[in-house]
Amino acid sequence: MNQTTPFNIFEQASTDQELQQFRQTVVEGGFTAFRLFLEGFRDMLKRFEDGEIERVNRLLAAARQLFPEPGRFSPSWVDIWNEFEQIAQFKQTVLESIVGDDRAGEWQILIDNPYTNTDLACYPSLTFLEGAYLYAYFRSDLKQNEFIRLQKIQNVIMAFGSERSEPSKKKA
């Protein structure tokens, strides 16, 4: 695994001087450097598991302190720290709600608003951690009357359009 990504450098910094040096490098690198840093952060949010929320919150607080105005890199990142904090919080709720062997198997996310004619969004074939992250990611931005479901698939019958054949007919 590449240990020299911007996020890895940030995560491994152990002194204020190292953090300030990292900050300066990102500021000098501008948009691209900060985007790479955020990509690493988002990857960590996808991967974190039970017992890691304190570390995640500590890293978020340190990042917020180093880059209090992320919108200077891009207006789309004005609220990135709040977004990441919500994702971590909602994912932690999922981790606390579903434990142990209940996590095994296939999961899916459903997002719908029954009061509109917009399409239902479905994300199938997920591992538990993938589902927990997507639940947290989409949960932080639900609109009025939308709902999200993280659900485990118990039984599946699946067919593909390329398998066009007629049902077999029994002869009497």
N, C-alpha and C. Protein backbone atom coordinates (compact mmCIF):
# COMPACT_ATOMS: atom_id res chain seq x y z
N MET A 1 0.85 -1.19 0.00
CA MET A 1 0.00 0.00 0.00
C MET A 1 0.89 1.24 0.00
N ASN A 2 0.50 2.22 -0.78
CA ASN A 2 1.26 3.46 -0.89
C ASN A 2 1.10 4.29 0.37
N GLN A 3 2.19 4.49 1.10
CA GLN A 3 2.14 5.23 2.36
C GLN A 3 2.45 6.71 2.17
N THR A 4 2.60 7.18 0.94
CA THR A 4 2.97 8.57 0.72
C THR A 4 1.81 9.41 0.16
N THR A 5 0.58 8.93 0.29
CA THR A 5 -0.55 9.74 -0.12
C THR A 5 -0.70 10.90 0.86
N PRO A 6 -1.31 12.00 0.43
CA PRO A 6 -1.48 13.12 1.36
C PRO A 6 -2.19 12.72 2.65
N PHE A 7 -3.21 11.88 2.56
CA PHE A 7 -3.90 11.49 3.79
C PHE A 7 -2.99 10.67 4.70
N ASN A 8 -2.20 9.76 4.13
CA ASN A 8 -1.29 8.96 4.95
C ASN A 8 -0.25 9.84 5.65
N ILE A 9 0.26 10.84 4.95
CA ILE A 9 1.22 11.76 5.56
C ILE A 9 0.55 12.50 6.72
N PHE A 10 -0.67 12.97 6.50
CA PHE A 10 -1.44 13.65 7.55
C PHE A 10 -1.66 12.73 8.74
N GLU A 11 -2.10 11.52 8.47
CA GLU A 11 -2.43 10.56 9.52
C GLU A 11 -1.20 10.18 10.35
N GLN A 12 -0.03 10.15 9.71
CA GLN A 12 1.19 9.73 10.41
C GLN A 12 1.91 10.90 11.09
N ALA A 13 1.50 12.11 10.83
CA ALA A 13 2.15 13.27 11.46
C ALA A 13 1.93 13.19 12.97
N SER A 14 3.01 13.34 13.73
CA SER A 14 2.89 13.18 15.18
C SER A 14 3.23 14.46 15.95
N THR A 15 3.69 15.48 15.26
CA THR A 15 4.01 16.73 15.95
C THR A 15 3.31 17.89 15.26
N ASP A 16 3.19 18.99 15.98
CA ASP A 16 2.60 20.19 15.38
C ASP A 16 3.42 20.66 14.19
N GLN A 17 4.73 20.53 14.29
CA GLN A 17 5.60 20.95 13.19
C GLN A 17 5.33 20.12 11.93
N GLU A 18 5.17 18.80 12.08
CA GLU A 18 4.85 17.94 10.94
C GLU A 18 3.49 18.29 10.35
N LEU A 19 2.52 18.60 11.20
CA LEU A 19 1.20 18.98 10.71
C LEU A 19 1.24 20.30 9.95
N GLN A 20 2.00 21.25 10.47
CA GLN A 20 2.11 22.55 9.79
C GLN A 20 2.86 22.41 8.46
N GLN A 21 3.86 21.55 8.44
CA GLN A 21 4.58 21.29 7.19
C GLN A 21 3.64 20.65 6.17
N PHE A 22 2.82 19.70 6.63
CA PHE A 22 1.83 19.07 5.76
C PHE A 22 0.86 20.12 5.23
N ARG A 23 0.36 20.98 6.11
CA ARG A 23 -0.57 22.03 5.72
C ARG A 23 0.04 22.90 4.63
N GLN A 24 1.27 23.31 4.82
CA GLN A 24 1.94 24.17 3.85
C GLN A 24 2.07 23.48 2.49
N THR A 25 2.40 22.20 2.51
CA THR A 25 2.52 21.43 1.27
C THR A 25 1.18 21.39 0.53
N VAL A 26 0.10 21.17 1.26
CA VAL A 26 -1.22 21.11 0.63
C VAL A 26 -1.62 22.49 0.11
N VAL A 27 -1.40 23.52 0.89
CA VAL A 27 -1.74 24.88 0.45
C VAL A 27 -0.98 25.21 -0.84
N GLU A 28 0.30 24.89 -0.88
CA GLU A 28 1.10 25.15 -2.08
C GLU A 28 0.62 24.30 -3.26
N GLY A 29 0.14 23.10 -2.98
CA GLY A 29 -0.35 22.20 -4.04
C GLY A 29 -1.74 22.57 -4.53
N GLY A 30 -2.45 23.39 -3.78
CA GLY A 30 -3.74 23.90 -4.19
C GLY A 30 -4.83 22.85 -4.31
N PHE A 31 -5.71 23.07 -5.27
CA PHE A 31 -6.89 22.25 -5.47
C PHE A 31 -6.56 20.76 -5.54
N THR A 32 -5.60 20.40 -6.36
CA THR A 32 -5.28 18.98 -6.57
C THR A 32 -4.78 18.32 -5.30
N ALA A 33 -3.89 18.99 -4.59
CA ALA A 33 -3.36 18.41 -3.34
C ALA A 33 -4.48 18.22 -2.31
N PHE A 34 -5.36 19.21 -2.21
CA PHE A 34 -6.45 19.11 -1.24
C PHE A 34 -7.44 18.02 -1.67
N ARG A 35 -7.72 17.91 -2.96
CA ARG A 35 -8.62 16.86 -3.46
C ARG A 35 -8.06 15.48 -3.13
N LEU A 36 -6.76 15.30 -3.32
CA LEU A 36 -6.14 14.00 -2.99
C LEU A 36 -6.22 13.72 -1.49
N PHE A 37 -6.05 14.75 -0.70
CA PHE A 37 -6.19 14.62 0.76
C PHE A 37 -7.61 14.18 1.10
N LEU A 38 -8.62 14.83 0.50
CA LEU A 38 -10.01 14.48 0.77
C LEU A 38 -10.35 13.07 0.28
N GLU A 39 -9.78 12.66 -0.84
CA GLU A 39 -10.01 11.30 -1.33
C GLU A 39 -9.52 10.27 -0.32
N GLY A 40 -8.35 10.51 0.25
CA GLY A 40 -7.84 9.62 1.28
C GLY A 40 -8.71 9.62 2.52
N PHE A 41 -9.21 10.80 2.87
CA PHE A 41 -10.10 10.91 4.02
C PHE A 41 -11.38 10.11 3.78
N ARG A 42 -11.96 10.27 2.58
CA ARG A 42 -13.20 9.56 2.25
C ARG A 42 -12.95 8.04 2.26
N ASP A 43 -11.80 7.61 1.77
CA ASP A 43 -11.47 6.19 1.79
C ASP A 43 -11.41 5.67 3.22
N MET A 44 -10.85 6.47 4.13
CA MET A 44 -10.79 6.07 5.54
C MET A 44 -12.21 5.96 6.11
N LEU A 45 -13.09 6.88 5.72
CA LEU A 45 -14.48 6.82 6.19
C LEU A 45 -15.17 5.55 5.68
N LYS A 46 -14.83 5.11 4.49
CA LYS A 46 -15.40 3.88 3.96
C LYS A 46 -14.90 2.66 4.73
N ARG A 47 -13.64 2.67 5.12
CA ARG A 47 -13.01 1.49 5.70
C ARG A 47 -13.13 1.35 7.22
N PHE A 48 -13.37 2.46 7.94
CA PHE A 48 -13.27 2.34 9.40
C PHE A 48 -14.32 1.38 9.95
N GLU A 49 -13.92 0.69 11.02
CA GLU A 49 -14.74 -0.35 11.61
C GLU A 49 -14.97 -0.06 13.09
N ASP A 50 -15.54 -1.04 13.76
CA ASP A 50 -15.82 -0.91 15.19
C ASP A 50 -14.58 -0.47 15.97
N GLY A 51 -14.79 0.37 16.95
CA GLY A 51 -13.71 0.79 17.83
C GLY A 51 -12.81 1.88 17.27
N GLU A 52 -13.08 2.36 16.06
CA GLU A 52 -12.20 3.35 15.44
C GLU A 52 -12.79 4.77 15.42
N ILE A 53 -13.99 4.96 15.96
CA ILE A 53 -14.65 6.25 15.85
C ILE A 53 -13.86 7.37 16.56
N GLU A 54 -13.22 7.08 17.64
CA GLU A 54 -12.43 8.11 18.34
C GLU A 54 -11.28 8.59 17.46
N ARG A 55 -10.62 7.67 16.80
CA ARG A 55 -9.53 8.04 15.88
C ARG A 55 -10.08 8.86 14.72
N VAL A 56 -11.21 8.44 14.16
CA VAL A 56 -11.83 9.17 13.06
C VAL A 56 -12.17 10.59 13.50
N ASN A 57 -12.79 10.73 14.66
CA ASN A 57 -13.16 12.06 15.16
C ASN A 57 -11.93 12.93 15.44
N ARG A 58 -10.88 12.31 15.93
CA ARG A 58 -9.63 13.05 16.19
C ARG A 58 -9.01 13.56 14.88
N LEU A 59 -9.03 12.71 13.86
CA LEU A 59 -8.50 13.12 12.56
C LEU A 59 -9.35 14.22 11.93
N LEU A 60 -10.67 14.13 12.07
CA LEU A 60 -11.55 15.17 11.55
C LEU A 60 -11.30 16.51 12.26
N ALA A 61 -11.14 16.46 13.57
CA ALA A 61 -10.87 17.70 14.32
C ALA A 61 -9.54 18.31 13.90
N ALA A 62 -8.53 17.47 13.70
CA ALA A 62 -7.21 17.98 13.28
C ALA A 62 -7.29 18.58 11.88
N ALA A 63 -8.02 17.93 10.98
CA ALA A 63 -8.16 18.44 9.61
C ALA A 63 -8.91 19.77 9.60
N ARG A 64 -9.95 19.86 10.41
CA ARG A 64 -10.72 21.10 10.50
C ARG A 64 -9.84 22.24 11.04
N GLN A 65 -8.98 21.90 11.98
CA GLN A 65 -8.08 22.92 12.54
C GLN A 65 -7.03 23.36 11.51
N LEU A 66 -6.49 22.41 10.75
CA LEU A 66 -5.48 22.74 9.74
C LEU A 66 -6.08 23.51 8.56
N PHE A 67 -7.30 23.14 8.17
CA PHE A 67 -7.95 23.74 7.01
C PHE A 67 -9.34 24.22 7.40
N PRO A 68 -9.43 25.32 8.16
CA PRO A 68 -10.73 25.79 8.65
C PRO A 68 -11.63 26.34 7.55
N GLU A 69 -11.05 26.67 6.40
CA GLU A 69 -11.84 27.21 5.28
C GLU A 69 -11.56 26.39 4.01
N PRO A 70 -12.06 25.16 3.96
CA PRO A 70 -11.80 24.32 2.79
C PRO A 70 -12.39 24.88 1.50
N GLY A 71 -13.36 25.79 1.62
CA GLY A 71 -13.95 26.41 0.45
C GLY A 71 -12.98 27.27 -0.34
N ARG A 72 -11.83 27.59 0.25
CA ARG A 72 -10.81 28.33 -0.49
C ARG A 72 -10.19 27.49 -1.60
N PHE A 73 -10.22 26.18 -1.42
CA PHE A 73 -9.71 25.28 -2.47
C PHE A 73 -10.76 25.09 -3.56
N SER A 74 -12.03 25.00 -3.14
CA SER A 74 -13.14 24.86 -4.09
C SER A 74 -14.43 25.18 -3.34
N PRO A 75 -15.32 25.95 -3.95
CA PRO A 75 -16.60 26.25 -3.29
C PRO A 75 -17.40 24.99 -2.93
N SER A 76 -17.19 23.91 -3.67
CA SER A 76 -17.94 22.68 -3.39
C SER A 76 -17.51 22.03 -2.07
N TRP A 77 -16.41 22.49 -1.49
CA TRP A 77 -15.92 21.89 -0.24
C TRP A 77 -16.17 22.78 0.98
N VAL A 78 -16.99 23.79 0.84
CA VAL A 78 -17.25 24.71 1.95
C VAL A 78 -17.68 23.95 3.20
N ASP A 79 -18.51 22.93 3.03
CA ASP A 79 -19.09 22.21 4.17
C ASP A 79 -18.54 20.80 4.32
N ILE A 80 -17.37 20.52 3.77
CA ILE A 80 -16.85 19.15 3.72
C ILE A 80 -16.63 18.55 5.11
N TRP A 81 -16.17 19.35 6.07
CA TRP A 81 -15.91 18.77 7.41
C TRP A 81 -17.22 18.37 8.08
N ASN A 82 -18.27 19.18 7.93
CA ASN A 82 -19.57 18.79 8.47
C ASN A 82 -20.09 17.53 7.79
N GLU A 83 -19.92 17.46 6.47
CA GLU A 83 -20.35 16.27 5.74
C GLU A 83 -19.62 15.03 6.25
N PHE A 84 -18.31 15.12 6.37
CA PHE A 84 -17.52 13.97 6.84
C PHE A 84 -17.90 13.60 8.27
N GLU A 85 -18.15 14.59 9.13
CA GLU A 85 -18.54 14.31 10.51
C GLU A 85 -19.88 13.59 10.56
N GLN A 86 -20.82 14.00 9.71
CA GLN A 86 -22.12 13.32 9.67
C GLN A 86 -21.98 11.89 9.16
N ILE A 87 -21.17 11.70 8.14
CA ILE A 87 -20.94 10.35 7.61
C ILE A 87 -20.38 9.45 8.72
N ALA A 88 -19.39 9.95 9.44
CA ALA A 88 -18.79 9.16 10.52
C ALA A 88 -19.82 8.84 11.60
N GLN A 89 -20.64 9.81 11.96
CA GLN A 89 -21.66 9.61 12.99
C GLN A 89 -22.70 8.59 12.55
N PHE A 90 -23.22 8.74 11.32
CA PHE A 90 -24.24 7.80 10.85
C PHE A 90 -23.67 6.40 10.66
N LYS A 91 -22.43 6.30 10.18
CA LYS A 91 -21.83 4.98 10.03
C LYS A 91 -21.63 4.33 11.39
N GLN A 92 -21.21 5.11 12.37
CA GLN A 92 -21.04 4.58 13.72
C GLN A 92 -22.37 4.05 14.26
N THR A 93 -23.46 4.73 13.98
CA THR A 93 -24.78 4.27 14.40
C THR A 93 -25.09 2.91 13.78
N VAL A 94 -24.77 2.73 12.50
CA VAL A 94 -24.99 1.44 11.84
C VAL A 94 -24.11 0.37 12.49
N LEU A 95 -22.84 0.69 12.73
CA LEU A 95 -21.93 -0.29 13.34
C LEU A 95 -22.43 -0.73 14.72
N GLU A 96 -23.00 0.20 15.46
CA GLU A 96 -23.51 -0.13 16.80
C GLU A 96 -24.83 -0.89 16.73
N SER A 97 -25.59 -0.70 15.66
CA SER A 97 -26.92 -1.31 15.54
C SER A 97 -26.89 -2.73 15.02
N ILE A 98 -25.91 -3.06 14.20
CA ILE A 98 -25.83 -4.39 13.58
C ILE A 98 -24.47 -4.98 13.94
N VAL A 99 -24.49 -6.04 14.70
CA VAL A 99 -23.23 -6.57 15.22
C VAL A 99 -23.00 -8.01 14.80
N GLY A 100 -21.74 -8.42 14.92
CA GLY A 100 -21.33 -9.81 14.78
C GLY A 100 -21.76 -10.50 13.51
N ASP A 101 -22.29 -11.73 13.70
CA ASP A 101 -22.67 -12.58 12.57
C ASP A 101 -23.80 -11.99 11.74
N ASP A 102 -24.55 -11.04 12.30
CA ASP A 102 -25.64 -10.43 11.54
C ASP A 102 -25.12 -9.63 10.34
N ARG A 103 -23.84 -9.37 10.30
CA ARG A 103 -23.24 -8.57 9.22
C ARG A 103 -22.89 -9.40 7.99
N ALA A 104 -22.79 -10.69 8.13
CA ALA A 104 -22.39 -11.55 7.00
C ALA A 104 -23.47 -11.52 5.92
N GLY A 105 -23.05 -11.70 4.69
CA GLY A 105 -23.99 -11.80 3.59
C GLY A 105 -24.05 -10.56 2.73
N GLU A 106 -25.06 -10.54 1.86
CA GLU A 106 -25.24 -9.46 0.89
C GLU A 106 -26.19 -8.40 1.45
N TRP A 107 -25.85 -7.13 1.20
CA TRP A 107 -26.64 -6.00 1.67
C TRP A 107 -27.01 -5.11 0.50
N GLN A 108 -28.03 -4.28 0.72
CA GLN A 108 -28.39 -3.30 -0.30
C GLN A 108 -28.93 -2.04 0.36
N ILE A 109 -28.84 -0.95 -0.40
CA ILE A 109 -29.38 0.34 0.02
C ILE A 109 -30.54 0.67 -0.91
N LEU A 110 -31.64 1.13 -0.34
CA LEU A 110 -32.78 1.63 -1.10
C LEU A 110 -33.03 3.07 -0.67
N ILE A 111 -33.26 3.94 -1.65
CA ILE A 111 -33.60 5.33 -1.36
C ILE A 111 -34.85 5.65 -2.18
N ASP A 112 -35.86 6.20 -1.52
CA ASP A 112 -37.10 6.51 -2.22
C ASP A 112 -37.79 7.69 -1.57
N ASN A 113 -38.64 8.34 -2.35
CA ASN A 113 -39.54 9.36 -1.86
C ASN A 113 -40.91 8.99 -2.41
N PRO A 114 -41.78 8.42 -1.57
CA PRO A 114 -43.07 7.93 -2.07
C PRO A 114 -44.02 9.03 -2.53
N TYR A 115 -43.68 10.28 -2.27
CA TYR A 115 -44.56 11.39 -2.65
C TYR A 115 -44.13 12.07 -3.95
N THR A 116 -43.18 11.51 -4.64
CA THR A 116 -42.76 12.06 -5.92
C THR A 116 -42.75 10.95 -6.96
N ASN A 117 -42.59 11.33 -8.21
CA ASN A 117 -42.51 10.31 -9.26
C ASN A 117 -41.06 10.04 -9.67
N THR A 118 -40.12 10.39 -8.81
CA THR A 118 -38.71 10.09 -9.09
C THR A 118 -38.46 8.60 -8.91
N ASP A 119 -37.45 8.12 -9.56
CA ASP A 119 -37.13 6.70 -9.50
C ASP A 119 -36.59 6.31 -8.13
N LEU A 120 -36.85 5.08 -7.78
CA LEU A 120 -36.26 4.46 -6.62
C LEU A 120 -34.79 4.21 -6.91
N ALA A 121 -33.91 4.51 -5.97
CA ALA A 121 -32.49 4.20 -6.16
C ALA A 121 -32.16 2.96 -5.35
N CYS A 122 -31.47 2.03 -5.97
CA CYS A 122 -31.10 0.79 -5.31
C CYS A 122 -29.62 0.49 -5.57
N TYR A 123 -28.91 0.17 -4.52
CA TYR A 123 -27.50 -0.20 -4.62
C TYR A 123 -27.36 -1.61 -4.05
N PRO A 124 -27.39 -2.64 -4.92
CA PRO A 124 -27.36 -4.03 -4.46
C PRO A 124 -25.94 -4.59 -4.36
N SER A 125 -25.87 -5.82 -3.91
CA SER A 125 -24.63 -6.61 -3.90
C SER A 125 -23.51 -5.97 -3.11
N LEU A 126 -23.82 -5.44 -1.93
CA LEU A 126 -22.83 -4.76 -1.10
C LEU A 126 -22.39 -5.66 0.05
N THR A 127 -21.16 -5.46 0.50
CA THR A 127 -20.74 -6.03 1.77
C THR A 127 -21.35 -5.17 2.87
N PHE A 128 -21.29 -5.63 4.09
CA PHE A 128 -21.83 -4.84 5.20
C PHE A 128 -21.15 -3.48 5.31
N LEU A 129 -19.81 -3.45 5.26
CA LEU A 129 -19.10 -2.17 5.39
C LEU A 129 -19.40 -1.22 4.23
N GLU A 130 -19.54 -1.75 3.02
CA GLU A 130 -19.92 -0.91 1.89
C GLU A 130 -21.31 -0.33 2.11
N GLY A 131 -22.23 -1.17 2.57
CA GLY A 131 -23.59 -0.72 2.84
C GLY A 131 -23.64 0.30 3.97
N ALA A 132 -22.85 0.08 5.01
CA ALA A 132 -22.83 1.03 6.14
C ALA A 132 -22.32 2.39 5.68
N TYR A 133 -21.29 2.40 4.84
CA TYR A 133 -20.76 3.67 4.34
C TYR A 133 -21.79 4.37 3.45
N LEU A 134 -22.37 3.64 2.50
CA LEU A 134 -23.35 4.27 1.60
C LEU A 134 -24.57 4.77 2.37
N TYR A 135 -25.01 4.01 3.37
CA TYR A 135 -26.12 4.46 4.20
C TYR A 135 -25.75 5.81 4.84
N ALA A 136 -24.58 5.88 5.43
CA ALA A 136 -24.14 7.11 6.09
C ALA A 136 -23.98 8.25 5.09
N TYR A 137 -23.42 7.95 3.93
CA TYR A 137 -23.20 8.96 2.89
C TYR A 137 -24.52 9.57 2.42
N PHE A 138 -25.48 8.72 2.07
CA PHE A 138 -26.77 9.22 1.58
C PHE A 138 -27.66 9.74 2.71
N ARG A 139 -27.52 9.18 3.89
CA ARG A 139 -28.34 9.60 5.03
C ARG A 139 -28.10 11.07 5.37
N SER A 140 -26.89 11.53 5.18
CA SER A 140 -26.54 12.90 5.56
C SER A 140 -27.16 13.94 4.64
N ASP A 141 -27.78 13.50 3.52
CA ASP A 141 -28.34 14.47 2.58
C ASP A 141 -29.78 14.11 2.14
N LEU A 142 -30.53 13.42 3.00
CA LEU A 142 -31.91 13.08 2.64
C LEU A 142 -32.77 14.33 2.53
N LYS A 143 -33.62 14.34 1.54
CA LYS A 143 -34.56 15.45 1.33
C LYS A 143 -35.87 15.15 2.04
N GLN A 144 -36.74 16.17 2.10
CA GLN A 144 -38.05 16.01 2.73
C GLN A 144 -38.78 14.80 2.13
N ASN A 145 -39.30 13.96 2.98
CA ASN A 145 -40.09 12.76 2.62
C ASN A 145 -39.27 11.62 2.02
N GLU A 146 -37.98 11.79 1.82
CA GLU A 146 -37.16 10.67 1.35
C GLU A 146 -36.90 9.73 2.52
N PHE A 147 -36.68 8.49 2.19
CA PHE A 147 -36.23 7.54 3.20
C PHE A 147 -35.12 6.69 2.62
N ILE A 148 -34.33 6.15 3.52
CA ILE A 148 -33.22 5.27 3.12
C ILE A 148 -33.33 3.99 3.93
N ARG A 149 -33.03 2.88 3.29
CA ARG A 149 -33.04 1.59 3.98
C ARG A 149 -31.73 0.86 3.69
N LEU A 150 -31.12 0.38 4.73
CA LEU A 150 -30.01 -0.56 4.61
C LEU A 150 -30.60 -1.90 4.99
N GLN A 151 -30.57 -2.83 4.07
CA GLN A 151 -31.19 -4.12 4.36
C GLN A 151 -30.35 -5.28 3.87
N LYS A 152 -30.44 -6.34 4.64
CA LYS A 152 -29.72 -7.55 4.31
C LYS A 152 -30.58 -8.41 3.38
N ILE A 153 -29.97 -8.95 2.36
CA ILE A 153 -30.66 -9.83 1.42
C ILE A 153 -30.62 -11.25 1.99
N GLN A 154 -31.78 -11.84 2.14
CA GLN A 154 -31.85 -13.20 2.67
C GLN A 154 -31.94 -14.23 1.55
N ASN A 155 -32.79 -13.97 0.57
CA ASN A 155 -32.98 -14.88 -0.56
C ASN A 155 -33.00 -14.04 -1.83
N VAL A 156 -32.42 -14.59 -2.89
CA VAL A 156 -32.39 -13.87 -4.16
C VAL A 156 -32.73 -14.83 -5.29
N ILE A 157 -33.61 -14.38 -6.16
CA ILE A 157 -33.84 -15.05 -7.44
C ILE A 157 -33.48 -14.00 -8.48
N MET A 158 -32.61 -14.36 -9.38
CA MET A 158 -32.09 -13.37 -10.31
C MET A 158 -32.11 -13.92 -11.73
N ALA A 159 -32.42 -13.06 -12.68
CA ALA A 159 -32.41 -13.45 -14.09
C ALA A 159 -31.86 -12.28 -14.90
N PHE A 160 -31.35 -12.58 -16.06
CA PHE A 160 -30.80 -11.58 -16.95
C PHE A 160 -31.59 -11.55 -18.24
N GLY A 161 -31.73 -10.38 -18.84
CA GLY A 161 -32.46 -10.24 -20.09
C GLY A 161 -31.88 -11.06 -21.22
N SER A 162 -30.61 -11.36 -21.15
CA SER A 162 -29.96 -12.15 -22.19
C SER A 162 -30.37 -13.63 -22.12
N GLU A 163 -31.07 -14.01 -21.06
CA GLU A 163 -31.48 -15.40 -20.87
C GLU A 163 -32.92 -15.58 -21.33
N ARG A 164 -33.25 -15.07 -22.50
CA ARG A 164 -34.63 -15.14 -22.98
C ARG A 164 -34.95 -16.56 -23.42
N SER A 165 -35.78 -17.17 -22.64
CA SER A 165 -36.27 -18.48 -23.01
C SER A 165 -37.66 -18.64 -22.43
N GLU A 166 -38.42 -19.50 -23.03
CA GLU A 166 -39.77 -19.73 -22.56
C GLU A 166 -39.74 -20.74 -21.44
N PRO A 167 -40.68 -20.59 -20.50
CA PRO A 167 -40.75 -21.59 -19.42
C PRO A 167 -41.04 -22.96 -20.03
N SER A 168 -40.48 -23.97 -19.43
CA SER A 168 -40.75 -25.34 -19.94
C SER A 168 -42.20 -25.67 -19.71
N LYS A 169 -42.78 -26.39 -20.67
CA LYS A 169 -44.20 -26.75 -20.62
C LYS A 169 -44.30 -28.25 -20.33
N LYS A 170 -45.13 -28.56 -19.37
CA LYS A 170 -45.36 -29.97 -19.04
C LYS A 170 -46.41 -30.54 -20.00
N LYS A 171 -46.17 -31.73 -20.42
CA LYS A 171 -47.15 -32.41 -21.26
C LYS A 171 -48.07 -33.22 -20.35
N ALA A 172 -49.34 -33.13 -20.64
CA ALA A 172 -50.32 -33.84 -19.81
C ALA A 172 -50.47 -35.27 -20.23
